[in-house]
C-alpha atoms as a PDB file:
ATOM      1  CA  MET A   1       2.119  27.957  11.615  1.00  0.00           C
ATOM      2  CA  TRP A   2       2.180  24.205  12.190  1.00  0.00           C
ATOM      3  CA  GLN A   3      -1.593  23.993  11.914  1.00  0.00           C
ATOM      4  CA  LEU A   4      -1.495  25.934   8.634  1.00  0.00           C
ATOM      5  CA  MET A   5       1.156  23.588   7.169  1.00  0.00           C
ATOM      6  CA  MET A   6      -0.777  20.510   8.381  1.00  0.00           C
ATOM      7  CA  SER A   7      -4.055  21.786   6.935  1.00  0.00           C
ATOM      8  CA  LYS A   8      -2.381  21.892   3.527  1.00  0.00           C
ATOM      9  CA  LEU A   9      -0.723  18.473   3.946  1.00  0.00           C
ATOM     10  CA  ALA A  10      -3.766  16.685   5.354  1.00  0.00           C
ATOM     11  CA  PRO A  11      -6.979  18.657   5.587  1.00  0.00           C
ATOM     12  CA  PRO A  12      -8.870  17.681   8.827  1.00  0.00           C
ATOM     13  CA  ASP A  13     -12.453  17.584   9.875  1.00  0.00           C
ATOM     14  CA  HIS A  14     -13.799  19.857  12.633  1.00  0.00           C
ATOM     15  CA  THR A  15     -12.324  17.567  15.324  1.00  0.00           C
ATOM     16  CA  GLY A  16      -8.828  17.649  13.881  1.00  0.00           C
ATOM     17  CA  ALA A  17      -9.091  14.111  12.495  1.00  0.00           C
ATOM     18  CA  TYR A  18      -7.588  13.289   9.097  1.00  0.00           C
ATOM     19  CA  ILE A  19     -10.055  12.221   6.425  1.00  0.00           C
ATOM     20  CA  ARG A  20      -8.628  10.607   3.318  1.00  0.00           C
ATOM     21  CA  PRO A  21     -10.187  11.750   0.058  1.00  0.00           C
ATOM     22  CA  SER A  22     -11.629   9.262  -2.335  1.00  0.00           C
ATOM     23  CA  SER A  23     -10.020   8.183  -5.608  1.00  0.00           C
ATOM     24  CA  SER A  24     -11.313   9.673  -8.829  1.00  0.00           C
ATOM     25  CA  PHE A  25     -10.714   7.104 -11.644  1.00  0.00           C
ATOM     26  CA  ARG A  26     -12.571   3.820 -11.109  1.00  0.00           C
ATOM     27  CA  ASN A  27     -12.682   2.052 -14.467  1.00  0.00           C
ATOM     28  CA  PHE A  28     -11.838  -1.623 -14.821  1.00  0.00           C
ATOM     29  CA  VAL A  29      -9.822  -3.899 -17.152  1.00  0.00           C
ATOM     30  CA  SER A  30     -12.151  -6.757 -18.203  1.00  0.00           C
ATOM     31  CA  THR A  31     -13.238  -8.790 -21.191  1.00  0.00           C
ATOM     32  CA  ALA A  32     -16.777  -7.290 -21.221  1.00  0.00           C
ATOM     33  CA  PRO A  33     -17.684  -6.472 -24.854  1.00  0.00           C
ATOM     34  CA  ASP A  34     -18.384  -2.785 -24.195  1.00  0.00           C
ATOM     35  CA  ASN A  35     -15.311  -2.214 -22.058  1.00  0.00           C
ATOM     36  CA  PRO A  36     -12.615  -0.052 -23.742  1.00  0.00           C
ATOM     37  CA  HIS A  37      -9.897  -1.567 -21.537  1.00  0.00           C
ATOM     38  CA  GLY A  38      -9.437  -5.221 -22.448  1.00  0.00           C
ATOM     39  CA  PRO A  39      -6.705  -7.447 -20.958  1.00  0.00           C
ATOM     40  CA  ALA A  40      -3.477  -7.522 -22.979  1.00  0.00           C
ATOM     41  CA  ALA A  41       0.200  -7.920 -22.422  1.00  0.00           C
ATOM     42  CA  GLY A  42       2.372  -4.806 -22.892  1.00  0.00           C
ATOM     43  CA  ARG A  43      -0.572  -2.471 -23.031  1.00  0.00           C
ATOM     44  CA  TYR A  44      -0.735  -1.357 -19.416  1.00  0.00           C
ATOM     45  CA  ARG A  45       1.659   0.173 -16.916  1.00  0.00           C
ATOM     46  CA  LEU A  46       1.672   1.089 -13.261  1.00  0.00           C
ATOM     47  CA  PHE A  47       2.857   4.521 -12.167  1.00  0.00           C
ATOM     48  CA  VAL A  48       4.173   3.982  -8.586  1.00  0.00           C
ATOM     49  CA  GLY A  49       6.224   5.665  -5.906  1.00  0.00           C
ATOM     50  CA  THR A  50       8.308   3.082  -4.157  1.00  0.00           C
ATOM     51  CA  GLY A  51       7.854   4.790  -0.828  1.00  0.00           C
ATOM     52  CA  CYS A  52       4.048   4.810  -1.033  1.00  0.00           C
ATOM     53  CA  PRO A  53       2.248   1.928   0.667  1.00  0.00           C
ATOM     54  CA  TRP A  54      -0.807   2.124  -1.575  1.00  0.00           C
ATOM     55  CA  ALA A  55       1.374   1.872  -4.717  1.00  0.00           C
ATOM     56  CA  HIS A  56       3.391  -0.875  -3.060  1.00  0.00           C
ATOM     57  CA  ARG A  57       0.292  -3.074  -2.951  1.00  0.00           C
ATOM     58  CA  THR A  58       0.205  -3.163  -6.739  1.00  0.00           C
ATOM     59  CA  LEU A  59       3.904  -4.084  -6.965  1.00  0.00           C
ATOM     60  CA  VAL A  60       3.459  -6.965  -4.480  1.00  0.00           C
ATOM     61  CA  THR A  61       0.451  -8.286  -6.375  1.00  0.00           C
ATOM     62  CA  ARG A  62       2.248  -7.991  -9.723  1.00  0.00           C
ATOM     63  CA  ALA A  63       5.192  -9.966  -8.309  1.00  0.00           C
ATOM     64  CA  LEU A  64       3.110 -12.655  -6.717  1.00  0.00           C
ATOM     65  CA  LYS A  65       1.125 -13.225  -9.919  1.00  0.00           C
ATOM     66  CA  GLY A  66       4.243 -13.105 -12.128  1.00  0.00           C
ATOM     67  CA  LEU A  67       3.127 -10.159 -14.300  1.00  0.00           C
ATOM     68  CA  GLU A  68       6.451  -8.429 -14.662  1.00  0.00           C
ATOM     69  CA  ASP A  69       6.622  -9.152 -18.389  1.00  0.00           C
ATOM     70  CA  ALA A  70       2.991  -8.198 -19.009  1.00  0.00           C
ATOM     71  CA  ILE A  71       2.687  -4.954 -17.108  1.00  0.00           C
ATOM     72  CA  SER A  72       5.452  -2.362 -16.993  1.00  0.00           C
ATOM     73  CA  VAL A  73       6.302   0.019 -14.164  1.00  0.00           C
ATOM     74  CA  SER A  74       7.159   3.698 -14.277  1.00  0.00           C
ATOM     75  CA  ILE A  75       8.687   5.108 -11.032  1.00  0.00           C
ATOM     76  CA  VAL A  76       7.849   8.528  -9.709  1.00  0.00           C
ATOM     77  CA  TYR A  77       9.379  10.465  -6.818  1.00  0.00           C
ATOM     78  CA  PRO A  78       7.961  12.981  -4.431  1.00  0.00           C
ATOM     79  CA  SER A  79       9.230  16.549  -4.884  1.00  0.00           C
ATOM     80  CA  GLU A  80       9.630  19.075  -2.074  1.00  0.00           C
ATOM     81  CA  GLY A  81       6.250  20.616  -2.945  1.00  0.00           C
ATOM     82  CA  GLY A  82       4.543  17.230  -2.578  1.00  0.00           C
ATOM     83  CA  MET A  83       4.144  16.601  -6.343  1.00  0.00           C
ATOM     84  CA  TRP A  84       5.067  13.220  -7.841  1.00  0.00           C
ATOM     85  CA  VAL A  85       7.800  13.687 -10.439  1.00  0.00           C
ATOM     86  CA  MET A  86       8.637  11.112 -13.094  1.00  0.00           C
ATOM     87  CA  GLU A  87      11.956   9.352 -13.391  1.00  0.00           C
ATOM     88  CA  SER A  88      11.998  10.167 -17.083  1.00  0.00           C
ATOM     89  CA  GLU A  89       9.630  11.901 -19.481  1.00  0.00           C
ATOM     90  CA  THR A  90       6.703   9.708 -20.427  1.00  0.00           C
ATOM     91  CA  PHE A  91       4.123  10.645 -23.119  1.00  0.00           C
ATOM     92  CA  GLY A  92       5.450  14.175 -22.949  1.00  0.00           C
ATOM     93  CA  CYS A  93       4.816  14.378 -19.188  1.00  0.00           C
ATOM     94  CA  ASN A  94       7.356  14.955 -16.400  1.00  0.00           C
ATOM     95  CA  THR A  95       4.969  15.006 -13.413  1.00  0.00           C
ATOM     96  CA  MET A  96       1.855  13.148 -12.354  1.00  0.00           C
ATOM     97  CA  PRO A  97      -0.310  16.303 -12.593  1.00  0.00           C
ATOM     98  CA  GLU A  98       0.669  16.570 -16.268  1.00  0.00           C
ATOM     99  CA  LEU A  99      -0.211  12.931 -16.795  1.00  0.00           C
ATOM    100  CA  TYR A 100      -3.604  13.450 -15.138  1.00  0.00           C
ATOM    101  CA  GLN A 101      -4.209  16.444 -17.463  1.00  0.00           C
ATOM    102  CA  LEU A 102      -3.257  14.390 -20.471  1.00  0.00           C
ATOM    103  CA  ALA A 103      -5.834  11.787 -19.437  1.00  0.00           C
ATOM    104  CA  LEU A 104      -8.486  14.325 -18.472  1.00  0.00           C
ATOM    105  CA  PRO A 105      -7.865  17.944 -19.529  1.00  0.00           C
ATOM    106  CA  GLY A 106      -9.142  20.319 -16.849  1.00  0.00           C
ATOM    107  CA  TYR A 107      -8.835  17.749 -14.097  1.00  0.00           C
ATOM    108  CA  GLN A 108      -8.778  19.534 -10.651  1.00  0.00           C
ATOM    109  CA  GLY A 109      -8.473  16.563  -8.200  1.00  0.00           C
ATOM    110  CA  ARG A 110      -5.531  14.919  -6.414  1.00  0.00           C
ATOM    111  CA  CYS A 111      -2.792  13.451  -8.572  1.00  0.00           C
ATOM    112  CA  THR A 112      -1.946  10.333  -6.613  1.00  0.00           C
ATOM    113  CA  VAL A 113      -0.293   7.031  -7.187  1.00  0.00           C
ATOM    114  CA  PRO A 114      -0.698   4.199  -7.981  1.00  0.00           C
ATOM    115  CA  VAL A 115      -2.170   4.722 -11.442  1.00  0.00           C
ATOM    116  CA  LEU A 116      -2.985   1.879 -13.810  1.00  0.00           C
ATOM    117  CA  TRP A 117      -2.471   3.406 -17.211  1.00  0.00           C
ATOM    118  CA  ASP A 118      -3.605   2.333 -20.650  1.00  0.00           C
ATOM    119  CA  ASP A 119      -0.757   3.111 -23.085  1.00  0.00           C
ATOM    120  CA  SER A 120      -2.906   2.471 -26.158  1.00  0.00           C
ATOM    121  CA  LYS A 121      -5.551   4.935 -25.219  1.00  0.00           C
ATOM    122  CA  LYS A 122      -3.398   7.336 -23.199  1.00  0.00           C
ATOM    123  CA  ALA A 123      -5.864   7.029 -20.393  1.00  0.00           C
ATOM    124  CA  ILE A 124      -5.971   6.416 -16.668  1.00  0.00           C
ATOM    125  CA  VAL A 125      -7.943   3.257 -16.075  1.00  0.00           C
ATOM    126  CA  ASN A 126      -7.937   3.419 -12.233  1.00  0.00           C
ATOM    127  CA  ASN A 127      -6.079   5.140  -9.404  1.00  0.00           C
ATOM    128  CA  GLU A 128      -7.663   3.216  -6.465  1.00  0.00           C
ATOM    129  CA  SER A 129      -5.114   0.650  -5.230  1.00  0.00           C
ATOM    130  CA  SER A 130      -7.642  -1.704  -3.719  1.00  0.00           C
ATOM    131  CA  GLU A 131      -9.360  -2.064  -7.158  1.00  0.00           C
ATOM    132  CA  ILE A 132      -6.131  -2.230  -9.135  1.00  0.00           C
ATOM    133  CA  ILE A 133      -4.898  -5.297  -7.191  1.00  0.00           C
ATOM    134  CA  VAL A 134      -8.182  -7.079  -7.767  1.00  0.00           C
ATOM    135  CA  MET A 135      -7.716  -6.545 -11.538  1.00  0.00           C
ATOM    136  CA  LEU A 136      -4.057  -7.695 -11.393  1.00  0.00           C
ATOM    137  CA  ASN A 137      -5.191 -10.854  -9.626  1.00  0.00           C
ATOM    138  CA  SER A 138      -7.967 -11.906 -12.010  1.00  0.00           C
ATOM    139  CA  GLU A 139      -7.771 -10.185 -15.374  1.00  0.00           C
ATOM    140  CA  PHE A 140      -4.253 -10.914 -16.653  1.00  0.00           C
ATOM    141  CA  ASN A 141      -3.917 -14.677 -15.819  1.00  0.00           C
ATOM    142  CA  GLU A 142      -3.281 -15.633 -19.466  1.00  0.00           C
ATOM    143  CA  PHE A 143      -0.143 -13.491 -19.337  1.00  0.00           C
ATOM    144  CA  ALA A 144       0.933 -14.385 -15.802  1.00  0.00           C
ATOM    145  CA  SER A 145       3.741 -16.792 -14.890  1.00  0.00           C
ATOM    146  CA  ASN A 146       1.858 -17.769 -11.710  1.00  0.00           C
ATOM    147  CA  PRO A 147      -1.815 -17.775 -12.822  1.00  0.00           C
ATOM    148  CA  GLN A 148      -2.715 -20.556 -10.358  1.00  0.00           C
ATOM    149  CA  MET A 149      -2.275 -18.197  -7.419  1.00  0.00           C
ATOM    150  CA  ASP A 150      -5.652 -16.708  -6.674  1.00  0.00           C
ATOM    151  CA  LEU A 151      -5.374 -13.940  -4.073  1.00  0.00           C
ATOM    152  CA  TYR A 152      -9.140 -13.325  -4.009  1.00  0.00           C
ATOM    153  CA  PRO A 153     -10.753 -16.784  -4.170  1.00  0.00           C
ATOM    154  CA  LEU A 154     -14.541 -16.960  -4.135  1.00  0.00           C
ATOM    155  CA  ASP A 155     -14.701 -19.190  -1.094  1.00  0.00           C
ATOM    156  CA  LEU A 156     -12.729 -16.685   1.034  1.00  0.00           C
ATOM    157  CA  ARG A 157     -14.075 -13.380  -0.300  1.00  0.00           C
ATOM    158  CA  SER A 158     -16.402 -12.599   2.523  1.00  0.00           C
ATOM    159  CA  GLN A 159     -13.624 -13.201   5.001  1.00  0.00           C
ATOM    160  CA  ILE A 160     -11.089 -11.187   2.934  1.00  0.00           C
ATOM    161  CA  ASP A 161     -13.574  -8.296   2.633  1.00  0.00           C
ATOM    162  CA  GLU A 162     -14.185  -8.342   6.367  1.00  0.00           C
ATOM    163  CA  TRP A 163     -10.441  -8.138   7.152  1.00  0.00           C
ATOM    164  CA  ASN A 164      -9.938  -5.444   4.458  1.00  0.00           C
ATOM    165  CA  GLU A 165     -12.636  -3.226   5.939  1.00  0.00           C
ATOM    166  CA  LYS A 166     -11.212  -3.516   9.467  1.00  0.00           C
ATOM    167  CA  ILE A 167      -7.566  -3.177   8.371  1.00  0.00           C
ATOM    168  CA  TYR A 168      -8.156  -0.174   6.027  1.00  0.00           C
ATOM    169  CA  GLN A 169      -9.861   2.046   8.602  1.00  0.00           C
ATOM    170  CA  SER A 170      -7.776   1.140  11.655  1.00  0.00           C
ATOM    171  CA  VAL A 171      -4.382   0.143  10.304  1.00  0.00           C
ATOM    172  CA  ASN A 172      -3.692   1.219   6.633  1.00  0.00           C
ATOM    173  CA  ASN A 173      -5.337   4.545   7.119  1.00  0.00           C
ATOM    174  CA  GLY A 174      -5.088   4.360  10.926  1.00  0.00           C
ATOM    175  CA  VAL A 175      -1.368   5.202  10.879  1.00  0.00           C
ATOM    176  CA  TYR A 176      -2.123   8.275   8.864  1.00  0.00           C
ATOM    177  CA  ARG A 177      -4.943   9.205  11.220  1.00  0.00           C
ATOM    178  CA  CYS A 178      -2.303   9.100  13.981  1.00  0.00           C
ATOM    179  CA  GLY A 179       0.394  10.965  12.105  1.00  0.00           C
ATOM    180  CA  PHE A 180      -1.815  13.584  10.558  1.00  0.00           C
ATOM    181  CA  ALA A 181      -4.083  14.179  13.625  1.00  0.00           C
ATOM    182  CA  GLN A 182      -4.336  17.831  14.535  1.00  0.00           C
ATOM    183  CA  SER A 183      -5.806  17.450  17.990  1.00  0.00           C
ATOM    184  CA  GLN A 184      -4.949  15.333  20.973  1.00  0.00           C
ATOM    185  CA  ALA A 185      -8.436  13.750  20.947  1.00  0.00           C
ATOM    186  CA  ALA A 186      -8.144  12.772  17.238  1.00  0.00           C
ATOM    187  CA  TYR A 187      -4.732  11.219  17.841  1.00  0.00           C
ATOM    188  CA  ASP A 188      -5.813   9.338  20.979  1.00  0.00           C
ATOM    189  CA  SER A 189      -8.790   7.890  19.200  1.00  0.00           C
ATOM    190  CA  ALA A 190      -6.869   6.755  16.165  1.00  0.00           C
ATOM    191  CA  CYS A 191      -3.952   5.371  18.131  1.00  0.00           C
ATOM    192  CA  SER A 192      -6.171   3.392  20.481  1.00  0.00           C
ATOM    193  CA  GLU A 193      -8.082   1.958  17.508  1.00  0.00           C
ATOM    194  CA  LEU A 194      -4.802   1.086  15.637  1.00  0.00           C
ATOM    195  CA  PHE A 195      -3.330  -0.968  18.396  1.00  0.00           C
ATOM    196  CA  ALA A 196      -6.616  -2.660  19.377  1.00  0.00           C
ATOM    197  CA  VAL A 197      -6.820  -4.035  15.810  1.00  0.00           C
ATOM    198  CA  LEU A 198      -3.138  -4.965  15.682  1.00  0.00           C
ATOM    199  CA  ASP A 199      -3.598  -6.870  18.946  1.00  0.00           C
ATOM    200  CA  ASP A 200      -6.585  -8.594  17.424  1.00  0.00           C
ATOM    201  CA  ILE A 201      -4.653  -9.544  14.320  1.00  0.00           C
ATOM    202  CA  ASP A 202      -1.749 -10.845  16.465  1.00  0.00           C
ATOM    203  CA  ARG A 203      -4.150 -13.075  18.332  1.00  0.00           C
ATOM    204  CA  SER A 204      -5.694 -14.378  15.153  1.00  0.00           C
ATOM    205  CA  LEU A 205      -2.209 -15.322  13.768  1.00  0.00           C
ATOM    206  CA  LEU A 206      -1.574 -17.579  16.726  1.00  0.00           C
ATOM    207  CA  ARG A 207      -2.914 -20.620  14.811  1.00  0.00           C
ATOM    208  CA  SER A 208      -3.450 -19.223  11.374  1.00  0.00           C
ATOM    209  CA  ARG A 209      -0.489 -18.706   9.083  1.00  0.00           C
ATOM    210  CA  TYR A 210      -2.202 -15.909   7.096  1.00  0.00           C
ATOM    211  CA  LEU A 211      -5.246 -13.826   7.797  1.00  0.00           C
ATOM    212  CA  CYS A 212      -7.605 -16.244   6.014  1.00  0.00           C
ATOM    213  CA  GLY A 213      -5.952 -19.514   6.805  1.00  0.00           C
ATOM    214  CA  ASP A 214      -2.986 -21.213   4.953  1.00  0.00           C
ATOM    215  CA  ARG A 215      -3.357 -19.227   1.705  1.00  0.00           C
ATOM    216  CA  VAL A 216      -1.993 -15.767   0.950  1.00  0.00           C
ATOM    217  CA  THR A 217      -4.788 -13.375  -0.093  1.00  0.00           C
ATOM    218  CA  LEU A 218      -5.235  -9.753  -0.950  1.00  0.00           C
ATOM    219  CA  ALA A 219      -5.992  -9.101   2.722  1.00  0.00           C
ATOM    220  CA  ASP A 220      -2.375 -10.065   3.507  1.00  0.00           C
ATOM    221  CA  VAL A 221      -1.055  -7.942   0.639  1.00  0.00           C
ATOM    222  CA  ARG A 222      -2.989  -4.904   1.928  1.00  0.00           C
ATOM    223  CA  LEU A 223      -1.720  -5.340   5.494  1.00  0.00           C
ATOM    224  CA  PHE A 224       1.839  -6.196   4.457  1.00  0.00           C
ATOM    225  CA  THR A 225       2.745  -2.809   2.951  1.00  0.00           C
ATOM    226  CA  THR A 226       1.718  -1.013   6.160  1.00  0.00           C
ATOM    227  CA  LEU A 227       3.529  -3.484   8.411  1.00  0.00           C
ATOM    228  CA  PHE A 228       6.752  -3.226   6.335  1.00  0.00           C
ATOM    229  CA  ARG A 229       6.859   0.573   6.928  1.00  0.00           C
ATOM    230  CA  PHE A 230       5.706   0.477  10.553  1.00  0.00           C
ATOM    231  CA  ASP A 231       8.856   0.169  12.657  1.00  0.00           C
ATOM    232  CA  ALA A 232      10.914   2.397  10.287  1.00  0.00           C
ATOM    233  CA  VAL A 233       8.407   5.195   9.865  1.00  0.00           C
ATOM    234  CA  TYR A 234       5.036   5.014  11.555  1.00  0.00           C
ATOM    235  CA  TYR A 235       6.383   4.081  14.967  1.00  0.00           C
ATOM    236  CA  SER A 236       8.413   7.271  15.360  1.00  0.00           C
ATOM    237  CA  LEU A 237       7.348   9.825  12.689  1.00  0.00           C
ATOM    238  CA  PHE A 238       3.609   9.113  12.976  1.00  0.00           C
ATOM    239  CA  LYS A 239       3.707   8.598  16.808  1.00  0.00           C
ATOM    240  CA  CYS A 240       2.515   4.991  16.555  1.00  0.00           C
ATOM    241  CA  ASN A 241       4.822   4.080  19.378  1.00  0.00           C
ATOM    242  CA  VAL A 242       2.855   1.828  21.703  1.00  0.00           C
ATOM    243  CA  ARG A 243       4.594  -1.233  20.221  1.00  0.00           C
ATOM    244  CA  ARG A 244       6.757  -2.134  17.233  1.00  0.00           C
ATOM    245  CA  ILE A 245       5.684  -4.853  14.898  1.00  0.00           C
ATOM    246  CA  GLN A 246       8.785  -6.834  15.864  1.00  0.00           C
ATOM    247  CA  ASP A 247       7.636  -6.683  19.444  1.00  0.00           C
ATOM    248  CA  TYR A 248       4.513  -8.756  18.587  1.00  0.00           C
ATOM    249  CA  GLU A 249       4.950 -12.492  18.956  1.00  0.00           C
ATOM    250  CA  HIS A 250       3.056 -13.436  15.867  1.00  0.00           C
ATOM    251  CA  LEU A 251       2.794 -10.295  13.761  1.00  0.00           C
ATOM    252  CA  GLY A 252       6.589  -9.948  13.591  1.00  0.00           C
ATOM    253  CA  ALA A 253       7.045 -13.498  12.241  1.00  0.00           C
ATOM    254  CA  TYR A 254       4.058 -13.043   9.911  1.00  0.00           C
ATOM    255  CA  LEU A 255       5.701  -9.929   8.399  1.00  0.00           C
ATOM    256  CA  ARG A 256       8.882 -11.846   7.791  1.00  0.00           C
ATOM    257  CA  ASP A 257       6.901 -14.743   6.262  1.00  0.00           C
ATOM    258  CA  LEU A 258       5.285 -12.395   3.726  1.00  0.00           C
ATOM    259  CA  TYR A 259       8.563 -10.571   3.013  1.00  0.00           C
ATOM    260  CA  GLN A 260      10.243 -13.869   2.191  1.00  0.00           C
ATOM    261  CA  LEU A 261       7.646 -14.997  -0.286  1.00  0.00           C
ATOM    262  CA  PRO A 262       9.060 -15.300  -3.837  1.00  0.00           C
ATOM    263  CA  GLY A 263       9.374 -11.896  -5.470  1.00  0.00           C
ATOM    264  CA  VAL A 264       8.120  -9.790  -2.544  1.00  0.00           C
ATOM    265  CA  ALA A 265      11.459  -8.589  -1.183  1.00  0.00           C
ATOM    266  CA  GLY A 266      12.298  -7.234  -4.583  1.00  0.00           C
ATOM    267  CA  THR A 267       9.348  -4.783  -4.350  1.00  0.00           C
ATOM    268  CA  CYS A 268      10.561  -3.430  -1.005  1.00  0.00           C
ATOM    269  CA  ASP A 269      12.962  -0.464  -0.787  1.00  0.00           C
ATOM    270  CA  LEU A 270      13.255   0.625   2.864  1.00  0.00           C
ATOM    271  CA  GLU A 271      15.764   3.386   2.036  1.00  0.00           C
ATOM    272  CA  ALA A 272      13.243   4.941  -0.412  1.00  0.00           C
ATOM    273  CA  VAL A 273      10.492   4.626   2.254  1.00  0.00           C
ATOM    274  CA  LYS A 274      12.503   6.530   4.853  1.00  0.00           C
ATOM    275  CA  ARG A 275      13.616   9.102   2.313  1.00  0.00           C
ATOM    276  CA  ASP A 276      10.155   9.781   1.102  1.00  0.00           C
ATOM    277  CA  TYR A 277       8.583  10.090   4.538  1.00  0.00           C
ATOM    278  CA  TYR A 278      11.278  11.748   6.584  1.00  0.00           C
ATOM    279  CA  GLY A 279      12.478  13.859   3.774  1.00  0.00           C
ATOM    280  CA  ASN A 280       9.219  15.173   2.445  1.00  0.00           C
ATOM    281  CA  LEU A 281       6.714  15.515   5.336  1.00  0.00           C
ATOM    282  CA  PHE A 282       8.179  18.778   6.588  1.00  0.00           C
ATOM    283  CA  PRO A 283       5.508  19.596   9.222  1.00  0.00           C
ATOM    284  CA  LEU A 284       6.265  16.255  10.904  1.00  0.00           C
ATOM    285  CA  ASN A 285      10.082  16.369  10.506  1.00  0.00           C
ATOM    286  CA  PRO A 286      11.284  19.975  10.003  1.00  0.00           C
ATOM    287  CA  GLY A 287      14.985  19.047   9.877  1.00  0.00           C
ATOM    288  CA  CYS A 288      14.258  16.388   7.177  1.00  0.00           C
ATOM    289  CA  ILE A 289      16.892  14.210   8.950  1.00  0.00           C
ATOM    290  CA  ILE A 290      16.582  10.572   7.832  1.00  0.00           C
ATOM    291  CA  PRO A 291      17.252   7.995  10.576  1.00  0.00           C
ATOM    292  CA  ALA A 292      19.847   5.267  10.131  1.00  0.00           C
ATOM    293  CA  GLY A 293      17.832   2.201  11.032  1.00  0.00           C
ATOM    294  CA  PRO A 294      16.285  -0.286  11.162  1.00  0.00           C
ATOM    295  CA  ASP A 295      18.287  -2.933   9.324  1.00  0.00           C
ATOM    296  CA  PRO A 296      16.104  -4.621   6.688  1.00  0.00           C
ATOM    297  CA  ALA A 297      18.217  -7.790   7.046  1.00  0.00           C
ATOM    298  CA  SER A 298      16.137  -8.541  10.121  1.00  0.00           C
ATOM    299  CA  LEU A 299      13.249  -9.410   7.794  1.00  0.00           C
ATOM    300  CA  LEU A 300      15.263 -12.339   6.518  1.00  0.00           C
ATOM    301  CA  LYS A 301      15.348 -14.114   9.873  1.00  0.00           C
ATOM    302  CA  ALA A 302      13.481 -17.413  10.258  1.00  0.00           C
ATOM    303  CA  HIS A 303       9.727 -16.982  10.827  1.00  0.00           C
ATOM    304  CA  ASP A 304       8.704 -20.572  11.677  1.00  0.00           C
ATOM    305  CA  ARG A 305       5.193 -20.063  10.107  1.00  0.00           C
ATOM    306  CA  ALA A 306       5.206 -22.693   7.411  1.00  0.00           C
ATOM    307  CA  GLY A 307       4.077 -25.521   9.657  1.00  0.00           C
ATOM    308  CA  LEU A 308       1.606 -23.473  11.684  1.00  0.00           C
ATOM    309  CA  ARG A 309      -1.498 -25.175  10.311  1.00  0.00           C
ATOM    310  CA  ASN A 310      -0.231 -28.461  11.674  1.00  0.00           C
ATOM    311  CA  ARG A 311       0.190 -27.361  15.259  1.00  0.00           C
ATOM    312  CA  VAL A 312      -2.130 -28.779  17.849  1.00  0.00           C
ATOM    313  CA  SER A 313      -3.951 -26.405  20.083  1.00  0.00           C
ATOM    314  CA  PRO A 314      -3.022 -26.641  23.733  1.00  0.00           C
END
């Protein structure tokens, strides 16, 4: 019965390993003459679930760039059946499947968040978080209150891309590969890889404030939303219990550093995270009992990372 439920929640390959499906809508906002989605203030909105780490990336980027007045947000919530339900009716839709059908009648794929939506054309521009945050970083600067912050600078792109590739497979998706594994071998492989990469990141943060030096980049944004959920959800519910993030000497302080950046804490809702994971992943938590901790106030403790670049190596 458990295997049947898990196969519906997270279809595995022949080894029992979870394989994440690809996103379906991959258009871009740009100023290209033939592009139907040009940059504008008030034209686009993000559909997000506050518990979802992939959607959270877009909220963090929006906050860091100062795009709150230019790009609106519509909140959705997971239902017991796994469907995203809207906070209020939008364009005649009450669920994300209805919105996907409005954008593309007859659509048969997954109805995921985040979604970057074009209000003027009633169209989904993109539902791949890694591409949405690139657009938010570069295509709306004339409407941003913090346009000088470049989270994907040319001189660091190769380094950012290298970190992103490693972090996506082993950490961002790695926690899901642990939690959704349907064989011991699949779990062991994913868990070993996850903590090997976390150990590697911790070592790299010994003398580097952020992943790519002293500047926050999209690599940090993509890692942050997983780290924020780790001790509260992935450590226990997804069996990622070799170490907590707070047990790492450098990763724990790095998480607090990112959390305390202007605007970031306002995108974080730990209670929603716990509610969405523990309350909706029935095969992993049949009682749907939501744990009391941890206390998010711990993320406000001093991190002592600001002067890291000035430290002298021993």
